[in-house]
């Protein structure tokens, strides 16, 4: 890949559309927070925990599920624990590990926020597309994410 590999008009339009769509997450998160008191980050963590067995996950599993750096997760979990949404305890099977658990307040918060979240997803995303377009979007997203994952694995293998 050289310095002259500029994007053509079609590629530029697709890339910029992707970036604008990605930036929309911030607006989506602000609206959810204004309505529910949960940030987008809070919501991501609470969803993962609410879908886990017994509402608990090892911190490393949670970090992988939401694709965050360890320090970001640690700091955010501290804030959520101070608000009573989650607890953190030592992992019984690994002295170095931490178990993150959803509290009753956390469960109530995600259950109250979920219908609003789904309403926003439907209004801003689902309702904008036909069923065929939704299928195409899902297929294209999978292709790009699979490509990224393959590139990540290749880069990791090259660095080993």
Protein backbone atom coordinates (compact mmCIF):
# COMPACT_ATOMS: atom_id res chain seq x y z
CA UNK A 1 0.00 0.00 0.00
CA UNK A 2 1.69 3.18 -1.17
CA UNK A 3 1.15 6.88 -0.69
CA UNK A 4 -0.79 7.14 -3.96
CA UNK A 5 -3.54 4.70 -3.01
CA UNK A 6 -6.19 7.42 -2.67
CA UNK A 7 -9.84 6.48 -2.42
CA UNK A 8 -11.88 6.94 -5.55
CA UNK A 9 -15.26 8.69 -5.40
CA UNK A 10 -17.24 5.50 -4.74
CA UNK A 11 -14.82 4.35 -2.03
CA UNK A 12 -14.79 7.80 -0.43
CA UNK A 13 -18.62 7.92 -0.36
CA UNK A 14 -18.82 4.48 1.28
CA UNK A 15 -16.08 5.24 3.82
CA UNK A 16 -17.49 8.63 4.80
CA UNK A 17 -20.96 7.14 5.14
CA UNK A 18 -19.54 4.50 7.44
CA UNK A 19 -17.78 7.16 9.56
CA UNK A 20 -20.95 9.27 9.82
CA UNK A 21 -22.93 6.20 10.85
CA UNK A 22 -20.29 5.33 13.46
CA UNK A 23 -20.39 8.90 14.79
CA UNK A 24 -24.15 8.59 15.20
CA UNK A 25 -23.52 6.24 18.15
CA UNK A 26 -22.57 9.29 20.21
CA UNK A 27 -25.91 10.99 19.51
CA UNK A 28 -27.72 7.73 20.17
CA UNK A 29 -25.91 7.39 23.52
CA UNK A 30 -26.64 10.98 24.55
CA UNK A 31 -30.34 10.55 23.95
CA UNK A 32 -30.43 7.25 25.85
CA UNK A 33 -28.55 8.83 28.76
CA UNK A 34 -30.89 11.81 28.87
CA UNK A 35 -33.89 9.48 29.04
CA UNK A 36 -32.57 6.73 31.30
CA UNK A 37 -29.46 8.00 33.10
CA UNK A 38 -27.40 5.22 31.48
CA UNK A 39 -24.56 6.09 29.15
CA UNK A 40 -23.94 4.01 26.06
CA UNK A 41 -21.00 2.44 27.92
CA UNK A 42 -23.21 1.61 30.92
CA UNK A 43 -25.75 0.06 28.59
CA UNK A 44 -23.14 -2.10 26.80
CA UNK A 45 -21.88 -3.49 30.10
CA UNK A 46 -25.34 -4.06 31.55
CA UNK A 47 -26.55 -5.82 28.40
CA UNK A 48 -23.57 -8.19 28.45
CA UNK A 49 -24.08 -8.96 32.13
CA UNK A 50 -27.86 -9.36 31.80
CA UNK A 51 -27.34 -11.92 29.02
CA UNK A 52 -24.73 -13.88 30.99
CA UNK A 53 -25.52 -16.85 33.21
CA UNK A 54 -26.57 -15.59 36.63
CA UNK A 55 -25.81 -12.01 35.56
CA UNK A 56 -22.06 -12.47 36.07
CA UNK A 57 -18.97 -12.56 33.94
CA UNK A 58 -15.26 -12.60 34.46
CA UNK A 59 -13.88 -9.13 33.76
CA UNK A 60 -11.70 -10.47 30.95
CA UNK A 61 -14.75 -12.00 29.24
CA UNK A 62 -16.68 -8.77 29.64
CA UNK A 63 -13.76 -6.79 28.24
CA UNK A 64 -13.66 -9.04 25.16
CA UNK A 65 -17.44 -8.90 24.74
CA UNK A 66 -17.47 -5.11 24.55
CA UNK A 67 -13.99 -4.76 23.03
CA UNK A 68 -12.47 -2.38 25.57
CA UNK A 69 -9.02 -1.83 26.98
CA UNK A 70 -8.48 -3.22 30.49
CA UNK A 71 -7.94 0.20 32.07
CA UNK A 72 -11.08 1.66 30.49
CA UNK A 73 -13.18 -1.22 31.77
CA UNK A 74 -11.67 -1.00 35.27
CA UNK A 75 -12.37 2.71 35.53
CA UNK A 76 -15.90 2.38 34.19
CA UNK A 77 -16.72 -0.54 36.47
CA UNK A 78 -15.53 1.55 39.43
CA UNK A 79 -18.00 4.27 38.48
CA UNK A 80 -20.82 1.78 37.94
CA UNK A 81 -20.08 0.04 41.26
CA UNK A 82 -20.23 3.39 43.07
CA UNK A 83 -23.72 3.85 41.56
CA UNK A 84 -24.76 0.38 42.74
CA UNK A 85 -25.21 -1.09 39.23
CA UNK A 86 -22.53 -3.79 39.46
CA UNK A 87 -20.30 -5.47 42.01
CA UNK A 88 -16.80 -6.81 41.58
CA UNK A 89 -15.39 -9.72 43.54
CA UNK A 90 -12.39 -11.99 43.27
CA UNK A 91 -12.87 -14.94 40.96
CA UNK A 92 -13.05 -18.21 42.87
CA UNK A 93 -11.30 -20.19 40.13
CA UNK A 94 -8.50 -17.71 39.40
CA UNK A 95 -6.86 -15.60 42.11
CA UNK A 96 -5.88 -12.97 39.53
CA UNK A 97 -9.36 -12.73 38.00
CA UNK A 98 -12.30 -10.51 38.87
CA UNK A 99 -15.95 -11.52 38.66
CA UNK A 100 -18.37 -8.73 37.68
CA UNK A 101 -22.00 -9.15 38.75
CA UNK A 102 -25.17 -7.33 37.91
CA UNK A 103 -26.90 -5.96 41.02
CA UNK A 104 -30.66 -5.71 41.43
CA UNK A 105 -30.37 -1.97 40.71
CA UNK A 106 -28.37 -2.77 37.57
CA UNK A 107 -30.98 -5.28 36.43
CA UNK A 108 -33.78 -2.77 37.03
CA UNK A 109 -31.83 -0.10 35.14
CA UNK A 110 -31.27 -2.26 32.06
CA UNK A 111 -34.85 -3.54 32.09
CA UNK A 112 -36.14 0.05 32.21
CA UNK A 113 -33.74 1.28 29.50
CA UNK A 114 -34.06 -1.64 27.06
CA UNK A 115 -37.50 -0.70 25.64
CA UNK A 116 -36.28 2.86 24.97
CA UNK A 117 -33.09 1.54 23.38
CA UNK A 118 -35.06 -0.81 21.12
CA UNK A 119 -37.43 2.03 20.23
CA UNK A 120 -34.48 4.19 19.14
CA UNK A 121 -32.91 1.34 17.16
CA UNK A 122 -36.20 0.77 15.42
CA UNK A 123 -36.89 4.48 14.72
CA UNK A 124 -33.42 5.44 13.49
CA UNK A 125 -32.21 2.23 11.90
CA UNK A 126 -34.69 -0.60 11.31
CA UNK A 127 -37.52 1.61 10.01
CA UNK A 128 -35.16 3.29 7.51
CA UNK A 129 -34.49 0.03 5.66
CA UNK A 130 -36.56 -2.51 3.81
CA UNK A 131 -36.30 -6.15 4.92
CA UNK A 132 -34.01 -6.87 1.93
CA UNK A 133 -31.82 -3.88 2.79
CA UNK A 134 -31.58 -5.09 6.40
CA UNK A 135 -30.41 -8.49 5.19
CA UNK A 136 -27.88 -6.86 2.85
CA UNK A 137 -26.64 -4.55 5.61
CA UNK A 138 -26.21 -7.50 7.99
CA UNK A 139 -24.38 -9.49 5.31
CA UNK A 140 -22.06 -6.58 4.45
CA UNK A 141 -21.34 -5.90 8.10
CA UNK A 142 -20.37 -9.55 8.61
CA UNK A 143 -18.07 -9.49 5.57
CA UNK A 144 -16.24 -6.38 6.83
CA UNK A 145 -16.01 -7.65 10.43
CA UNK A 146 -14.74 -11.05 9.27
CA UNK A 147 -12.12 -9.28 7.14
CA UNK A 148 -11.03 -7.17 10.11
CA UNK A 149 -10.80 -10.25 12.31
CA UNK A 150 -8.71 -12.06 9.69
CA UNK A 151 -6.37 -9.06 9.41
CA UNK A 152 -6.05 -8.90 13.21
CA UNK A 153 -5.14 -12.61 13.35
CA UNK A 154 -2.60 -12.15 10.57
CA UNK A 155 -1.03 -9.16 12.35
CA UNK A 156 -0.89 -11.06 15.64
CA UNK A 157 0.71 -14.10 13.97
CA UNK A 158 3.29 -11.84 12.30
CA UNK A 159 4.20 -10.26 15.62
CA UNK A 160 4.66 -13.61 17.42
